[in-house]
Amino acid sequence: MFYPTIKDETVLMLNVVVQNVEKNPSYLTSPECPYSDVIKKFFQRTGVEAPPVDIFAGEDELQVIDTQIFKIINDLESFGQALGTEDVTEKLAYFKTKTVLFEKLISMRERTFSLKELNEFRSAILGFMNEVCTKDQVTDLMHRLDGALT
């Protein structure tokens, strides 16, 4: 086996890069980044990445899902427009994929709208019940509904 010589100073410098990548996801993709593509690929290949981002942080989950679906549809359309007419097989594969994905995305979008309407309905009912019923009556009704829905 071959073990190349690695100096402590090299490890310290590499650790600085690793820490910066963990703190800033755009560290290696920034225009100011002086590293070659080989070095960037090395850090990406070793799994040094930023922690996952919570896209729902502080946002209405249904709105975020709907926005993400809309973005995917737009990205898919942009990709299709960027395809050249030279490669017919690539264009056919794109249209097949687009059809399947579009169907699934529309289904997901309909589901988010249904969930949104259900949540609005629940809020309206609970608001009305809180105005008319006592807390014990509201709790009793909620328990009865939970039993009926499961």
N, C-alpha and C. Protein backbone atom coordinates (compact mmCIF):
# COMPACT_ATOMS: atom_id res chain seq x y z
N MET A 1 0.84 -1.18 0.00
CA MET A 1 0.00 0.00 0.00
C MET A 1 0.88 1.24 0.00
N PHE A 2 0.30 2.29 -0.59
CA PHE A 2 1.03 3.54 -0.68
C PHE A 2 0.40 4.56 0.27
N TYR A 3 1.20 5.16 1.11
CA TYR A 3 0.75 6.19 2.03
C TYR A 3 1.51 7.47 1.72
N PRO A 4 0.83 8.43 1.07
CA PRO A 4 1.55 9.67 0.77
C PRO A 4 1.82 10.46 2.05
N THR A 5 2.84 11.27 2.00
CA THR A 5 3.20 12.10 3.15
C THR A 5 2.19 13.23 3.28
N ILE A 6 1.61 13.31 4.45
CA ILE A 6 0.66 14.39 4.73
C ILE A 6 1.16 15.10 5.97
N LYS A 7 1.38 16.38 5.81
CA LYS A 7 1.87 17.18 6.93
C LYS A 7 0.71 17.66 7.78
N ASP A 8 0.98 17.91 9.04
CA ASP A 8 -0.04 18.41 9.96
C ASP A 8 -0.63 19.72 9.46
N GLU A 9 0.20 20.57 8.86
CA GLU A 9 -0.28 21.86 8.36
C GLU A 9 -1.34 21.65 7.27
N THR A 10 -1.15 20.62 6.45
CA THR A 10 -2.11 20.33 5.38
C THR A 10 -3.46 19.93 5.96
N VAL A 11 -3.42 19.09 6.96
CA VAL A 11 -4.66 18.65 7.61
C VAL A 11 -5.38 19.83 8.25
N LEU A 12 -4.63 20.71 8.89
CA LEU A 12 -5.23 21.89 9.51
C LEU A 12 -5.92 22.77 8.46
N MET A 13 -5.28 22.96 7.30
CA MET A 13 -5.86 23.78 6.24
C MET A 13 -7.11 23.11 5.66
N LEU A 14 -7.05 21.80 5.49
CA LEU A 14 -8.22 21.08 4.98
C LEU A 14 -9.38 21.16 5.97
N ASN A 15 -9.06 21.11 7.25
CA ASN A 15 -10.09 21.22 8.28
C ASN A 15 -10.75 22.60 8.25
N VAL A 16 -9.99 23.62 7.94
CA VAL A 16 -10.56 24.97 7.82
C VAL A 16 -11.59 25.00 6.69
N VAL A 17 -11.25 24.37 5.56
CA VAL A 17 -12.18 24.32 4.44
C VAL A 17 -13.44 23.54 4.83
N VAL A 18 -13.26 22.41 5.49
CA VAL A 18 -14.40 21.59 5.91
C VAL A 18 -15.33 22.39 6.83
N GLN A 19 -14.78 23.10 7.77
CA GLN A 19 -15.59 23.89 8.70
C GLN A 19 -16.33 25.01 7.96
N ASN A 20 -15.66 25.64 7.00
CA ASN A 20 -16.32 26.70 6.23
C ASN A 20 -17.45 26.16 5.37
N VAL A 21 -17.27 24.98 4.79
CA VAL A 21 -18.33 24.36 3.99
C VAL A 21 -19.52 24.02 4.87
N GLU A 22 -19.26 23.54 6.08
CA GLU A 22 -20.35 23.21 7.00
C GLU A 22 -21.12 24.44 7.44
N LYS A 23 -20.43 25.57 7.60
CA LYS A 23 -21.09 26.80 8.04
C LYS A 23 -21.79 27.52 6.90
N ASN A 24 -21.22 27.44 5.69
CA ASN A 24 -21.74 28.21 4.56
C ASN A 24 -21.89 27.28 3.36
N PRO A 25 -23.13 26.92 2.99
CA PRO A 25 -23.33 25.98 1.89
C PRO A 25 -22.77 26.46 0.54
N SER A 26 -22.67 27.77 0.36
CA SER A 26 -22.19 28.29 -0.92
C SER A 26 -20.69 28.56 -0.90
N TYR A 27 -19.98 28.06 0.09
CA TYR A 27 -18.54 28.31 0.22
C TYR A 27 -17.77 27.89 -1.03
N LEU A 28 -18.05 26.71 -1.54
CA LEU A 28 -17.32 26.21 -2.70
C LEU A 28 -17.89 26.68 -4.03
N THR A 29 -19.11 27.17 -4.04
CA THR A 29 -19.73 27.63 -5.29
C THR A 29 -19.67 29.14 -5.45
N SER A 30 -19.20 29.82 -4.44
CA SER A 30 -19.10 31.28 -4.49
C SER A 30 -18.13 31.71 -5.60
N PRO A 31 -18.39 32.83 -6.27
CA PRO A 31 -17.48 33.32 -7.31
C PRO A 31 -16.07 33.63 -6.77
N GLU A 32 -15.97 33.94 -5.49
CA GLU A 32 -14.66 34.26 -4.91
C GLU A 32 -13.83 33.01 -4.59
N CYS A 33 -14.42 31.84 -4.68
CA CYS A 33 -13.73 30.61 -4.31
C CYS A 33 -12.56 30.38 -5.28
N PRO A 34 -11.32 30.32 -4.75
CA PRO A 34 -10.15 30.19 -5.63
C PRO A 34 -9.81 28.75 -6.01
N TYR A 35 -10.53 27.78 -5.50
CA TYR A 35 -10.17 26.39 -5.71
C TYR A 35 -10.57 25.89 -7.09
N SER A 36 -9.77 24.95 -7.60
CA SER A 36 -10.07 24.35 -8.91
C SER A 36 -11.27 23.41 -8.78
N ASP A 37 -11.79 23.01 -9.93
CA ASP A 37 -12.93 22.08 -9.92
C ASP A 37 -12.55 20.74 -9.29
N VAL A 38 -11.29 20.35 -9.44
CA VAL A 38 -10.83 19.09 -8.84
C VAL A 38 -10.94 19.14 -7.33
N ILE A 39 -10.51 20.25 -6.75
CA ILE A 39 -10.56 20.40 -5.29
C ILE A 39 -12.02 20.48 -4.82
N LYS A 40 -12.83 21.24 -5.55
CA LYS A 40 -14.25 21.37 -5.18
C LYS A 40 -14.94 20.00 -5.21
N LYS A 41 -14.65 19.23 -6.25
CA LYS A 41 -15.26 17.90 -6.36
C LYS A 41 -14.79 16.99 -5.23
N PHE A 42 -13.54 17.14 -4.83
CA PHE A 42 -13.02 16.33 -3.72
C PHE A 42 -13.84 16.57 -2.46
N PHE A 43 -14.08 17.83 -2.13
CA PHE A 43 -14.84 18.13 -0.91
C PHE A 43 -16.30 17.71 -1.04
N GLN A 44 -16.86 17.81 -2.23
CA GLN A 44 -18.23 17.37 -2.44
C GLN A 44 -18.32 15.84 -2.38
N ARG A 45 -17.32 15.15 -2.92
CA ARG A 45 -17.31 13.70 -2.94
C ARG A 45 -17.14 13.12 -1.54
N THR A 46 -16.42 13.82 -0.68
CA THR A 46 -16.18 13.30 0.66
C THR A 46 -17.39 13.50 1.57
N GLY A 47 -18.44 14.08 1.02
CA GLY A 47 -19.66 14.22 1.81
C GLY A 47 -19.65 15.42 2.72
N VAL A 48 -18.75 16.35 2.50
CA VAL A 48 -18.73 17.56 3.30
C VAL A 48 -19.77 18.49 2.72
N GLU A 49 -20.89 18.54 3.38
CA GLU A 49 -22.00 19.36 2.92
C GLU A 49 -22.62 20.07 4.10
N ALA A 50 -23.39 21.08 3.77
CA ALA A 50 -24.10 21.81 4.82
C ALA A 50 -25.23 20.93 5.36
N PRO A 51 -25.63 21.15 6.60
CA PRO A 51 -26.75 20.38 7.14
C PRO A 51 -28.02 20.66 6.34
N PRO A 52 -28.97 19.73 6.32
CA PRO A 52 -30.18 19.94 5.54
C PRO A 52 -30.95 21.16 6.00
N VAL A 53 -31.57 21.83 5.04
CA VAL A 53 -32.33 23.04 5.32
C VAL A 53 -33.78 22.66 5.53
N ASP A 54 -34.39 23.21 6.57
CA ASP A 54 -35.80 22.98 6.84
C ASP A 54 -36.60 24.01 6.05
N ILE A 55 -37.18 23.59 4.91
CA ILE A 55 -37.91 24.53 4.07
C ILE A 55 -39.21 24.98 4.71
N PHE A 56 -39.66 24.28 5.75
CA PHE A 56 -40.91 24.64 6.41
C PHE A 56 -40.72 25.56 7.60
N ALA A 57 -39.48 25.94 7.89
CA ALA A 57 -39.19 26.72 9.10
C ALA A 57 -40.03 27.99 9.14
N GLY A 58 -40.95 28.03 10.08
CA GLY A 58 -41.76 29.22 10.31
C GLY A 58 -42.76 29.53 9.21
N GLU A 59 -43.00 28.62 8.31
CA GLU A 59 -43.91 28.86 7.19
C GLU A 59 -45.09 27.90 7.25
N ASP A 60 -46.15 28.27 6.55
CA ASP A 60 -47.30 27.40 6.40
C ASP A 60 -46.89 26.24 5.48
N GLU A 61 -46.92 25.01 6.00
CA GLU A 61 -46.41 23.86 5.25
C GLU A 61 -47.13 23.68 3.92
N LEU A 62 -48.44 23.85 3.91
CA LEU A 62 -49.18 23.66 2.66
C LEU A 62 -48.79 24.70 1.62
N GLN A 63 -48.55 25.93 2.05
CA GLN A 63 -48.13 26.97 1.12
C GLN A 63 -46.74 26.67 0.57
N VAL A 64 -45.85 26.20 1.42
CA VAL A 64 -44.48 25.86 0.99
C VAL A 64 -44.53 24.71 -0.01
N ILE A 65 -45.33 23.69 0.27
CA ILE A 65 -45.45 22.55 -0.65
C ILE A 65 -45.99 23.02 -2.00
N ASP A 66 -47.02 23.85 -1.97
CA ASP A 66 -47.60 24.36 -3.21
C ASP A 66 -46.57 25.17 -3.99
N THR A 67 -45.80 25.99 -3.31
CA THR A 67 -44.76 26.79 -3.96
C THR A 67 -43.69 25.90 -4.57
N GLN A 68 -43.28 24.86 -3.84
CA GLN A 68 -42.26 23.94 -4.35
C GLN A 68 -42.76 23.19 -5.58
N ILE A 69 -44.01 22.77 -5.57
CA ILE A 69 -44.59 22.08 -6.73
C ILE A 69 -44.58 23.01 -7.94
N PHE A 70 -44.99 24.25 -7.73
CA PHE A 70 -45.01 25.25 -8.80
C PHE A 70 -43.60 25.47 -9.35
N LYS A 71 -42.61 25.53 -8.46
CA LYS A 71 -41.22 25.73 -8.87
C LYS A 71 -40.72 24.55 -9.70
N ILE A 72 -41.05 23.33 -9.28
CA ILE A 72 -40.63 22.14 -10.03
C ILE A 72 -41.24 22.14 -11.43
N ILE A 73 -42.50 22.52 -11.53
CA ILE A 73 -43.15 22.58 -12.83
C ILE A 73 -42.44 23.61 -13.72
N ASN A 74 -42.13 24.76 -13.16
CA ASN A 74 -41.42 25.80 -13.93
C ASN A 74 -40.03 25.34 -14.34
N ASP A 75 -39.30 24.69 -13.43
CA ASP A 75 -37.96 24.19 -13.74
C ASP A 75 -38.02 23.14 -14.85
N LEU A 76 -39.01 22.28 -14.79
CA LEU A 76 -39.18 21.24 -15.80
C LEU A 76 -39.45 21.87 -17.17
N GLU A 77 -40.27 22.88 -17.19
CA GLU A 77 -40.59 23.58 -18.44
C GLU A 77 -39.36 24.30 -18.98
N SER A 78 -38.60 24.94 -18.11
CA SER A 78 -37.38 25.63 -18.54
C SER A 78 -36.37 24.64 -19.11
N PHE A 79 -36.24 23.50 -18.47
CA PHE A 79 -35.32 22.47 -18.95
C PHE A 79 -35.73 22.01 -20.35
N GLY A 80 -37.02 21.81 -20.56
CA GLY A 80 -37.52 21.37 -21.86
C GLY A 80 -37.26 22.38 -22.95
N GLN A 81 -37.39 23.66 -22.62
CA GLN A 81 -37.14 24.70 -23.61
C GLN A 81 -35.65 24.82 -23.93
N ALA A 82 -34.80 24.45 -22.98
CA ALA A 82 -33.35 24.54 -23.21
C ALA A 82 -32.82 23.37 -24.04
N LEU A 83 -33.61 22.30 -24.17
CA LEU A 83 -33.16 21.14 -24.96
C LEU A 83 -33.08 21.53 -26.43
N GLY A 84 -32.01 21.09 -27.06
CA GLY A 84 -31.85 21.35 -28.49
C GLY A 84 -32.67 20.37 -29.31
N THR A 85 -32.85 20.68 -30.57
CA THR A 85 -33.62 19.81 -31.45
C THR A 85 -32.76 18.72 -32.07
N GLU A 86 -31.45 18.74 -31.79
CA GLU A 86 -30.53 17.78 -32.39
C GLU A 86 -30.77 16.36 -31.88
N ASP A 87 -30.92 16.21 -30.59
CA ASP A 87 -31.02 14.88 -29.99
C ASP A 87 -32.49 14.51 -29.78
N VAL A 88 -33.01 13.76 -30.73
CA VAL A 88 -34.43 13.39 -30.69
C VAL A 88 -34.72 12.44 -29.53
N THR A 89 -33.81 11.51 -29.23
CA THR A 89 -34.05 10.55 -28.15
C THR A 89 -34.11 11.26 -26.79
N GLU A 90 -33.26 12.26 -26.62
CA GLU A 90 -33.28 13.02 -25.37
C GLU A 90 -34.59 13.80 -25.24
N LYS A 91 -35.06 14.36 -26.35
CA LYS A 91 -36.32 15.11 -26.35
C LYS A 91 -37.49 14.17 -26.03
N LEU A 92 -37.49 12.97 -26.61
CA LEU A 92 -38.56 12.01 -26.33
C LEU A 92 -38.55 11.56 -24.87
N ALA A 93 -37.35 11.31 -24.35
CA ALA A 93 -37.23 10.91 -22.94
C ALA A 93 -37.74 12.04 -22.04
N TYR A 94 -37.43 13.28 -22.40
CA TYR A 94 -37.90 14.43 -21.63
C TYR A 94 -39.43 14.48 -21.60
N PHE A 95 -40.06 14.32 -22.76
CA PHE A 95 -41.52 14.40 -22.81
C PHE A 95 -42.19 13.26 -22.05
N LYS A 96 -41.61 12.06 -22.12
CA LYS A 96 -42.14 10.95 -21.33
C LYS A 96 -42.07 11.27 -19.84
N THR A 97 -40.90 11.72 -19.42
CA THR A 97 -40.69 12.05 -18.01
C THR A 97 -41.59 13.20 -17.59
N LYS A 98 -41.69 14.20 -18.44
CA LYS A 98 -42.52 15.37 -18.12
C LYS A 98 -43.98 14.97 -17.91
N THR A 99 -44.48 14.08 -18.76
CA THR A 99 -45.87 13.65 -18.65
C THR A 99 -46.14 12.97 -17.31
N VAL A 100 -45.26 12.05 -16.94
CA VAL A 100 -45.43 11.32 -15.68
C VAL A 100 -45.31 12.27 -14.49
N LEU A 101 -44.25 13.10 -14.50
CA LEU A 101 -44.05 14.03 -13.39
C LEU A 101 -45.18 15.05 -13.28
N PHE A 102 -45.62 15.54 -14.42
CA PHE A 102 -46.68 16.55 -14.42
C PHE A 102 -47.95 15.99 -13.81
N GLU A 103 -48.28 14.75 -14.15
CA GLU A 103 -49.46 14.10 -13.60
C GLU A 103 -49.35 13.98 -12.07
N LYS A 104 -48.18 13.55 -11.60
CA LYS A 104 -47.98 13.39 -10.16
C LYS A 104 -47.99 14.74 -9.45
N LEU A 105 -47.36 15.74 -10.05
CA LEU A 105 -47.32 17.06 -9.42
C LEU A 105 -48.71 17.68 -9.33
N ILE A 106 -49.51 17.52 -10.37
CA ILE A 106 -50.88 18.04 -10.34
C ILE A 106 -51.67 17.33 -9.25
N SER A 107 -51.49 16.03 -9.13
CA SER A 107 -52.17 15.26 -8.08
C SER A 107 -51.75 15.76 -6.70
N MET A 108 -50.46 16.02 -6.52
CA MET A 108 -49.98 16.53 -5.24
C MET A 108 -50.55 17.92 -4.97
N ARG A 109 -50.62 18.75 -6.00
CA ARG A 109 -51.15 20.10 -5.83
C ARG A 109 -52.62 20.06 -5.43
N GLU A 110 -53.38 19.18 -6.06
CA GLU A 110 -54.79 19.02 -5.69
C GLU A 110 -54.91 18.58 -4.23
N ARG A 111 -54.02 17.68 -3.81
CA ARG A 111 -54.04 17.21 -2.43
C ARG A 111 -53.75 18.35 -1.46
N THR A 112 -52.80 19.21 -1.80
CA THR A 112 -52.50 20.33 -0.89
C THR A 112 -53.68 21.29 -0.80
N PHE A 113 -54.36 21.52 -1.93
CA PHE A 113 -55.54 22.39 -1.87
C PHE A 113 -56.64 21.76 -1.02
N SER A 114 -56.83 20.45 -1.15
CA SER A 114 -57.84 19.78 -0.33
C SER A 114 -57.50 19.89 1.15
N LEU A 115 -56.22 19.69 1.49
CA LEU A 115 -55.80 19.82 2.89
C LEU A 115 -55.98 21.25 3.38
N LYS A 116 -55.68 22.21 2.54
CA LYS A 116 -55.83 23.61 2.92
C LYS A 116 -57.30 23.94 3.20
N GLU A 117 -58.18 23.47 2.31
CA GLU A 117 -59.61 23.70 2.51
C GLU A 117 -60.10 23.02 3.78
N LEU A 118 -59.62 21.79 4.05
CA LEU A 118 -60.00 21.07 5.25
C LEU A 118 -59.56 21.83 6.50
N ASN A 119 -58.32 22.35 6.49
CA ASN A 119 -57.84 23.12 7.64
C ASN A 119 -58.64 24.40 7.84
N GLU A 120 -59.01 25.07 6.76
CA GLU A 120 -59.84 26.28 6.87
C GLU A 120 -61.21 25.94 7.44
N PHE A 121 -61.77 24.81 6.99
CA PHE A 121 -63.07 24.37 7.49
C PHE A 121 -62.98 24.06 8.98
N ARG A 122 -61.93 23.32 9.38
CA ARG A 122 -61.75 23.02 10.81
C ARG A 122 -61.63 24.29 11.64
N SER A 123 -60.87 25.24 11.15
CA SER A 123 -60.69 26.49 11.88
C SER A 123 -62.01 27.23 12.05
N ALA A 124 -62.81 27.25 10.98
CA ALA A 124 -64.11 27.93 11.05
C ALA A 124 -65.02 27.23 12.05
N ILE A 125 -65.05 25.90 12.00
CA ILE A 125 -65.91 25.13 12.92
C ILE A 125 -65.44 25.32 14.37
N LEU A 126 -64.13 25.22 14.60
CA LEU A 126 -63.62 25.38 15.96
C LEU A 126 -63.87 26.80 16.48
N GLY A 127 -63.74 27.79 15.62
CA GLY A 127 -64.04 29.16 16.03
C GLY A 127 -65.49 29.32 16.44
N PHE A 128 -66.38 28.75 15.65
CA PHE A 128 -67.80 28.80 15.96
C PHE A 128 -68.10 28.07 17.25
N MET A 129 -67.51 26.86 17.41
CA MET A 129 -67.75 26.07 18.61
C MET A 129 -67.24 26.79 19.86
N ASN A 130 -66.10 27.45 19.76
CA ASN A 130 -65.55 28.18 20.91
C ASN A 130 -66.44 29.34 21.31
N GLU A 131 -67.15 29.91 20.34
CA GLU A 131 -68.06 31.01 20.65
C GLU A 131 -69.35 30.52 21.28
N VAL A 132 -69.82 29.34 20.87
CA VAL A 132 -71.14 28.86 21.28
C VAL A 132 -71.07 27.85 22.43
N CYS A 133 -70.07 26.99 22.44
CA CYS A 133 -69.99 25.89 23.40
C CYS A 133 -68.99 26.18 24.51
N THR A 134 -69.13 25.43 25.58
CA THR A 134 -68.14 25.51 26.66
C THR A 134 -66.93 24.68 26.25
N LYS A 135 -65.82 24.86 26.97
CA LYS A 135 -64.60 24.11 26.65
C LYS A 135 -64.82 22.60 26.80
N ASP A 136 -65.58 22.19 27.81
CA ASP A 136 -65.86 20.76 28.00
C ASP A 136 -66.67 20.20 26.84
N GLN A 137 -67.64 20.97 26.35
CA GLN A 137 -68.44 20.52 25.21
C GLN A 137 -67.59 20.39 23.95
N VAL A 138 -66.70 21.34 23.75
CA VAL A 138 -65.79 21.29 22.59
C VAL A 138 -64.90 20.07 22.68
N THR A 139 -64.34 19.82 23.86
CA THR A 139 -63.46 18.66 24.06
C THR A 139 -64.22 17.37 23.83
N ASP A 140 -65.44 17.28 24.34
CA ASP A 140 -66.26 16.09 24.16
C ASP A 140 -66.55 15.84 22.67
N LEU A 141 -66.89 16.88 21.96
CA LEU A 141 -67.17 16.75 20.54
C LEU A 141 -65.92 16.32 19.77
N MET A 142 -64.77 16.87 20.12
CA MET A 142 -63.53 16.50 19.45
C MET A 142 -63.20 15.03 19.68
N HIS A 143 -63.42 14.53 20.90
CA HIS A 143 -63.19 13.11 21.18
C HIS A 143 -64.13 12.23 20.37
N ARG A 144 -65.37 12.63 20.26
CA ARG A 144 -66.35 11.86 19.47
C ARG A 144 -65.97 11.85 17.99
N LEU A 145 -65.51 12.99 17.48
CA LEU A 145 -65.11 13.07 16.08
C LEU A 145 -63.86 12.24 15.82
N ASP A 146 -62.93 12.24 16.75
CA ASP A 146 -61.72 11.43 16.59
C ASP A 146 -62.08 9.96 16.49
N GLY A 147 -63.03 9.51 17.27
CA GLY A 147 -63.46 8.11 17.23
C GLY A 147 -64.17 7.79 15.92
N ALA A 148 -64.90 8.74 15.38
CA ALA A 148 -65.63 8.51 14.15
C ALA A 148 -64.70 8.52 12.93
N LEU A 149 -63.61 9.25 13.01
CA LEU A 149 -62.71 9.39 11.86
C LEU A 149 -61.69 8.27 11.78
N THR A 150 -61.44 7.57 12.88
CA THR A 150 -60.42 6.51 12.84
C THR A 150 -60.99 5.16 12.55
